Each structure stands twice: as structure tokens, then as C-alpha cells.
Amino acid sequence: MVSRPDLSAHTPITDWPKMEQPREKLRALGAPALTDAELLAIFLRVGVKGKTAVALAEDLLYHFGSLPRLLSCTPEEFTQIHGMGISKWSQIQAAYELVKRSLEESLTQDSIFSSPSYVREFLQAKFGRLPHEIFLCLHLDSRLHLIECQELFRGSLTHTTVYPREILKEALARNASALIVAHNHPSGSPLPSVADQELTQMLCKALQLVDISLLDHCIVSTSGFFSFSDEGLMNID
């Protein structure tokens, strides 16, 4: 939980010591040295009457409870906050989309095993906060570089119907040598259900018949990440 911001912080940022101003701090020390609120303030650019951009950013983080929740909010939710308009929401969303595209491009240029954390980060950014279930496939070439990330099935809050035949058809159409499949659990825990485990076994066997490897089945939720491969659950019985 984000701590309650200090609403007394209203001194204009231009009057702050140089090294405390977000842009100057970024230039001198690099982005990792800034807090979430300071980074967000750079996008907001200006505050509102009686409140700096940093204080406004702290308000936003407090209101939504976390940075991921803020990044996934709707325009309607965002613009309910005093001083927040659709242009600021658009700027933040554009920056967030650039991050997701950068992670996806990294997966096309390097083997997934050279930077395994990118898969997790990409999937969490891609659909970790969605309010409905989706099932997607990462189609990989023989060098385990990403060919395409494809959303195949979309469902409700708690269920998505998955058709293995469609997964095989799409993988063959892209001449994939391997797959990573993933879906999200909007309702909470990333732990797999019995149906998730059965689906993984079924897909392993079906893909093996056409010489395509299923490398992993990942489950993403707001509270965590589960990898069948990391847990040693990808062996076919």
C-alpha cells in the first residue's frame, strides 16, 4: 500500500534545490534514483493550484493503491481525479505501451533463455491487470526468438475456453518450432487449476506430434506469476 502523501508540499518545484527537482535528478543520477511519484511527475509536467506535480503524482498513487493499478486504469477512472485530463492519461498510456513493445522487441532479438526475466516482465505488462481472462501464445523460431505474440482466446473473469486444435493450426501457420502459452487469472491467485494442468499435458502431447515443443505455460495475476517449467511440471506423464 502506498503511504498517504504529504499534502502540505505545495512549494513550486522550480524553487526546490536543484538536485531535488525530478528532471535535474534524472539527468544527474539516472531514472533508478527517482521515486515512482517523481517519475510520474515528469509525465504530468505541472501540478494544480496549491499542489506540485510530485504531490499530484503521490495523490494518484495513493488513490489507485499501486503503480500497476494506475497504469491499467480506464480514462474514466483517471479523469475523476482533480486536475487529471484525458491528455495526461494518454501520455502515461503511451509511455506504458512503449515499455511493453520494448520488452516484446527484446524477445524477438534474443533467445528467451538469454533473458528469461523478459518473458515474465513482458507477460505481466501485457495482461497482468486485465479484468477478463485471455489466453495467448508466444510463437518461437528454432533459435527460440519470438516470432509473434498472439492472443487466441478471450473469456470472462474466471474462465476462458481454449481449443488445442486452434493452437496447433496457428503455430504451424507461423512455422513455429516452440511455444510458450500463457493466460491470466484476474480473480487473484496465479496457482494453476486442475483444468490448467490437464490442458498443459494435452498441449504437450498434441504439439509433440507435429514436432513443436511446449516450453512453458505461464499464469499471471495481480498477486504473482506461475511457471509450469520453473515448477518442473512440463514433463509428460
Protein backbone atom coordinates (compact mmCIF):
# COMPACT_ATOMS: atom_id res chain seq x y z
CA MET A 1 0.00 0.00 0.00
CA VAL A 2 1.27 3.47 -0.92
CA SER A 3 1.61 5.73 2.11
CA ARG A 4 -0.61 8.78 2.40
CA PRO A 5 1.02 11.70 0.63
CA ASP A 6 2.00 14.86 2.45
CA LEU A 7 -0.50 17.35 1.04
CA SER A 8 1.41 20.29 2.51
CA ALA A 9 4.06 20.00 -0.20
CA HIS A 10 2.99 22.96 -2.33
CA THR A 11 6.23 24.87 -2.86
CA PRO A 12 6.78 25.18 -6.64
CA ILE A 13 9.26 22.60 -7.90
CA THR A 14 11.30 25.38 -9.54
CA ASP A 15 12.01 26.67 -6.01
CA TRP A 16 13.29 23.29 -4.80
CA PRO A 17 17.04 22.63 -4.51
CA LYS A 18 18.34 21.73 -7.96
CA MET A 19 19.11 18.11 -7.12
CA GLU A 20 15.62 17.59 -5.67
CA GLN A 21 13.86 18.62 -8.86
CA PRO A 22 12.79 15.43 -10.73
CA ARG A 23 14.19 16.38 -14.13
CA GLU A 24 17.51 17.55 -12.73
CA LYS A 25 17.73 14.48 -10.51
CA LEU A 26 17.03 12.26 -13.51
CA ARG A 27 19.70 13.96 -15.57
CA ALA A 28 22.31 13.74 -12.85
CA LEU A 29 21.60 10.36 -11.24
CA GLY A 30 19.57 8.38 -13.77
CA ALA A 31 16.00 7.11 -13.67
CA PRO A 32 16.53 4.43 -10.96
CA ALA A 33 17.30 7.18 -8.43
CA LEU A 34 13.78 8.64 -8.73
CA THR A 35 10.73 7.53 -6.78
CA ASP A 36 7.57 6.40 -8.57
CA ALA A 37 5.99 9.77 -7.79
CA GLU A 38 8.98 11.69 -9.17
CA LEU A 39 8.97 9.69 -12.40
CA LEU A 40 5.24 10.16 -12.76
CA ALA A 41 5.57 13.88 -12.10
CA ILE A 42 7.81 14.22 -15.15
CA PHE A 43 4.91 12.96 -17.29
CA LEU A 44 2.37 15.16 -15.54
CA ARG A 45 4.70 18.16 -16.06
CA VAL A 46 2.61 20.56 -13.97
CA GLY A 47 0.51 20.31 -10.85
CA VAL A 48 -2.69 22.09 -9.92
CA LYS A 49 -3.29 25.16 -7.77
CA GLY A 50 -1.66 24.61 -4.39
CA LYS A 51 -0.11 21.29 -5.35
CA THR A 52 3.10 20.42 -7.21
CA ALA A 53 3.33 17.76 -9.91
CA VAL A 54 5.07 15.48 -7.40
CA ALA A 55 2.30 15.93 -4.82
CA LEU A 56 -0.27 15.32 -7.55
CA ALA A 57 1.58 12.14 -8.57
CA GLU A 58 1.56 10.98 -4.93
CA ASP A 59 -2.19 11.60 -4.86
CA LEU A 60 -2.63 9.40 -7.91
CA LEU A 61 -0.55 6.57 -6.47
CA TYR A 62 -2.44 6.76 -3.19
CA HIS A 63 -5.83 6.81 -4.92
CA PHE A 64 -5.12 3.75 -7.08
CA GLY A 65 -3.07 1.94 -4.44
CA SER A 66 -0.19 0.90 -6.67
CA LEU A 67 1.66 1.82 -9.84
CA PRO A 68 0.34 -1.21 -11.82
CA ARG A 69 -3.24 -0.31 -10.88
CA LEU A 70 -2.67 3.27 -12.02
CA LEU A 71 -1.19 2.15 -15.33
CA SER A 72 -4.17 -0.10 -16.04
CA CYS A 73 -6.89 2.37 -15.07
CA THR A 74 -9.53 3.49 -17.55
CA PRO A 75 -9.81 7.07 -18.81
CA GLU A 76 -12.99 7.42 -16.77
CA GLU A 77 -11.25 6.38 -13.55
CA PHE A 78 -8.25 8.62 -14.23
CA THR A 79 -10.19 11.76 -15.06
CA GLN A 80 -12.18 11.53 -11.83
CA ILE A 81 -9.05 12.85 -10.08
CA HIS A 82 -8.91 16.63 -9.81
CA GLY A 83 -6.51 18.07 -12.38
CA MET A 84 -6.29 14.87 -14.43
CA GLY A 85 -7.48 15.04 -18.03
CA ILE A 86 -7.51 12.69 -20.98
CA SER A 87 -4.26 14.13 -22.37
CA LYS A 88 -2.31 13.16 -19.23
CA TRP A 89 -3.91 9.69 -19.26
CA SER A 90 -2.90 9.34 -22.92
CA GLN A 91 0.70 10.35 -22.21
CA ILE A 92 1.04 7.78 -19.44
CA GLN A 93 -0.59 5.05 -21.54
CA ALA A 94 1.70 5.84 -24.49
CA ALA A 95 4.78 5.50 -22.26
CA TYR A 96 3.47 2.23 -20.83
CA GLU A 97 2.85 0.86 -24.32
CA LEU A 98 6.41 1.75 -25.32
CA VAL A 99 7.69 -0.31 -22.38
CA LYS A 100 5.62 -3.33 -23.46
CA ARG A 101 6.77 -3.01 -27.07
CA SER A 102 10.39 -2.70 -25.97
CA LEU A 103 10.12 -5.93 -23.96
CA GLU A 104 8.46 -7.70 -26.90
CA GLU A 105 11.18 -6.49 -29.29
CA SER A 106 13.84 -7.78 -26.91
CA LEU A 107 12.26 -11.23 -27.14
CA THR A 108 12.45 -11.12 -30.95
CA GLN A 109 16.16 -10.29 -30.91
CA ASP A 110 17.46 -12.69 -28.26
CA SER A 111 16.75 -16.26 -27.24
CA ILE A 112 14.22 -16.38 -24.43
CA PHE A 113 16.77 -18.28 -22.37
CA SER A 114 19.33 -15.47 -22.64
CA SER A 115 16.97 -13.17 -20.71
CA PRO A 116 14.27 -15.29 -19.03
CA SER A 117 13.10 -12.40 -16.87
CA TYR A 118 11.93 -10.59 -20.02
CA VAL A 119 9.24 -13.23 -20.58
CA ARG A 120 7.86 -12.70 -17.11
CA GLU A 121 8.08 -8.91 -17.32
CA PHE A 122 6.52 -8.88 -20.77
CA LEU A 123 3.60 -11.10 -19.79
CA GLN A 124 2.92 -9.19 -16.59
CA ALA A 125 2.93 -5.90 -18.50
CA LYS A 126 0.92 -7.35 -21.38
CA PHE A 127 -2.10 -8.64 -19.49
CA GLY A 128 -1.44 -8.98 -15.78
CA ARG A 129 -4.03 -6.36 -14.85
CA LEU A 130 -6.80 -7.16 -17.33
CA PRO A 131 -10.29 -7.65 -15.82
CA HIS A 132 -11.02 -10.67 -18.04
CA GLU A 133 -9.14 -13.84 -18.93
CA ILE A 134 -7.18 -14.13 -22.14
CA PHE A 135 -5.05 -16.96 -23.46
CA LEU A 136 -2.09 -16.15 -25.67
CA CYS A 137 0.80 -17.90 -27.38
CA LEU A 138 4.38 -16.85 -27.84
CA HIS A 139 5.42 -18.42 -31.14
CA LEU A 140 9.18 -19.09 -31.20
CA ASP A 141 11.57 -19.94 -34.03
CA SER A 142 14.31 -22.57 -33.95
CA ARG A 143 16.65 -20.17 -32.14
CA LEU A 144 13.90 -19.50 -29.57
CA HIS A 145 13.42 -15.93 -30.73
CA LEU A 146 9.89 -14.57 -30.65
CA ILE A 147 8.06 -14.74 -33.98
CA GLU A 148 4.80 -13.32 -32.70
CA CYS A 149 2.78 -12.90 -29.53
CA GLN A 150 -0.79 -13.87 -30.44
CA GLU A 151 -3.94 -13.57 -28.36
CA LEU A 152 -6.02 -16.62 -29.24
CA PHE A 153 -8.89 -16.80 -26.78
CA ARG A 154 -10.74 -14.32 -24.59
CA GLY A 155 -13.10 -15.14 -21.76
CA SER A 156 -14.73 -13.87 -18.59
CA LEU A 157 -13.41 -13.03 -15.14
CA THR A 158 -12.95 -16.69 -14.24
CA HIS A 159 -12.94 -18.78 -17.41
CA THR A 160 -11.63 -18.98 -20.97
CA THR A 161 -12.44 -21.78 -23.39
CA VAL A 162 -9.25 -22.98 -25.08
CA TYR A 163 -9.21 -25.05 -28.28
CA PRO A 164 -5.94 -27.02 -28.72
CA ARG A 165 -6.67 -27.54 -32.42
CA GLU A 166 -6.58 -23.77 -32.99
CA ILE A 167 -3.27 -23.53 -31.11
CA LEU A 168 -1.71 -26.16 -33.35
CA LYS A 169 -3.10 -24.55 -36.50
CA GLU A 170 -1.73 -21.11 -35.62
CA ALA A 171 1.68 -22.49 -34.61
CA LEU A 172 2.01 -24.41 -37.87
CA ALA A 173 0.94 -21.36 -39.88
CA ARG A 174 3.84 -19.40 -38.35
CA ASN A 175 6.33 -22.25 -38.78
CA ALA A 176 6.98 -22.14 -35.03
CA SER A 177 9.50 -24.54 -33.53
CA ALA A 178 8.35 -23.98 -29.97
CA LEU A 179 5.63 -22.31 -27.95
CA ILE A 180 5.10 -20.68 -24.62
CA VAL A 181 1.44 -20.39 -23.72
CA ALA A 182 0.10 -18.08 -21.06
CA HIS A 183 -3.13 -16.91 -19.51
CA ASN A 184 -4.15 -14.63 -16.68
CA HIS A 185 -6.19 -15.10 -13.52
CA PRO A 186 -7.96 -11.75 -12.97
CA SER A 187 -9.59 -13.01 -9.79
CA GLY A 188 -6.32 -13.38 -7.84
CA SER A 189 -4.04 -16.37 -7.28
CA PRO A 190 -1.71 -17.44 -10.12
CA LEU A 191 -1.72 -21.07 -8.96
CA PRO A 192 -2.93 -23.46 -11.68
CA SER A 193 -6.26 -25.21 -11.50
CA VAL A 194 -6.71 -28.90 -12.28
CA ALA A 195 -8.04 -27.81 -15.69
CA ASP A 196 -4.87 -25.75 -16.28
CA GLN A 197 -2.71 -28.78 -15.52
CA GLU A 198 -4.76 -31.05 -17.77
CA LEU A 199 -4.64 -28.53 -20.61
CA THR A 200 -0.84 -28.28 -20.31
CA GLN A 201 -0.45 -32.06 -20.55
CA MET A 202 -2.82 -32.21 -23.52
CA LEU A 203 -0.98 -29.45 -25.37
CA CYS A 204 2.43 -31.04 -24.71
CA LYS A 205 1.28 -34.29 -26.29
CA ALA A 206 -0.54 -32.69 -29.21
CA LEU A 207 2.34 -30.37 -30.13
CA GLN A 208 4.84 -33.19 -29.83
CA LEU A 209 3.02 -34.98 -32.68
CA VAL A 210 3.90 -32.10 -35.05
CA ASP A 211 7.42 -31.64 -33.68
CA ILE A 212 6.72 -28.43 -31.78
CA SER A 213 7.93 -28.08 -28.20
CA LEU A 214 5.79 -26.57 -25.49
CA LEU A 215 8.40 -24.87 -23.32
CA ASP A 216 6.19 -23.38 -20.65
CA HIS A 217 2.70 -22.49 -19.52
CA CYS A 218 2.67 -19.25 -17.56
CA ILE A 219 -0.11 -17.86 -15.39
CA VAL A 220 -0.16 -14.19 -14.49
CA SER A 221 -2.26 -12.47 -11.84
CA THR A 222 -2.24 -9.28 -9.84
CA SER A 223 -0.65 -11.15 -6.94
CA GLY A 224 2.04 -13.13 -8.72
CA PHE A 225 3.35 -15.30 -11.54
CA PHE A 226 3.41 -19.07 -12.00
CA SER A 227 5.60 -21.01 -14.44
CA PHE A 228 4.94 -24.70 -15.09
CA SER A 229 8.53 -25.05 -16.29
CA ASP A 230 10.04 -23.47 -13.19
CA GLU A 231 7.94 -25.83 -11.04
CA GLY A 232 9.04 -28.90 -13.02
CA LEU A 233 5.54 -29.60 -14.34
CA MET A 234 6.28 -29.76 -18.06
CA ASN A 235 7.10 -33.48 -18.19
CA ILE A 236 4.55 -35.64 -20.00
CA ASP A 237 3.28 -38.50 -17.88
